[in-house]
Amino acid sequence: MASQLNPIPLRLTWGMWVIGVIAASLMPRGLKHLTHSTGPLHDTLHLLAFAGIALGPSSWARRLGGKLVVSASVIGLGALLEVLQHYFYGNAYEWADLRDDSLGAIVGSLVLPAVAVLTRMAAPGIDRFGCNPKRKT
């Protein structure tokens, strides 16, 4: 029998990740400069942060429609955070950040399906539980 991971710690970890990304996004500009994340590093951090946000719920969604809703919701969160930064601090709306957030949401939603496809390609006769249904015992 295949072992199952307990979803509660994973969901708590995901929830803390989301809270951390939101908190970091809404930090005042003066505090953000303390992180020294500019240029490609800043873009990469946006991509990874939003990929992490999309990874959790996209792993819970079973169908393509659910994964599309997850991606759209995470992109919407990125857009909302940009609006809030403008409202709270007067920052210009950063379209490049929204681009990176969107790419991260799409990557995060596609990670698990891509791993599943690669796994099936690597071991075509093995199902996800490690059994070979074609082999007679």
Foldseek 3Di string as FASTA:
>chain_A
DDDDDDCPVVVVVLVVLVVVVLVLLQDAPVVVVVVVQDDPSVLVVLLQSLLSNLQVQLVVDDDPVSLVVSLVVQLVVQQVSLVVNCVPPVDDRDVSSSVSSSNSNVCSNCVVVVVVVVVCVVPVQADPRRDRVVDDD
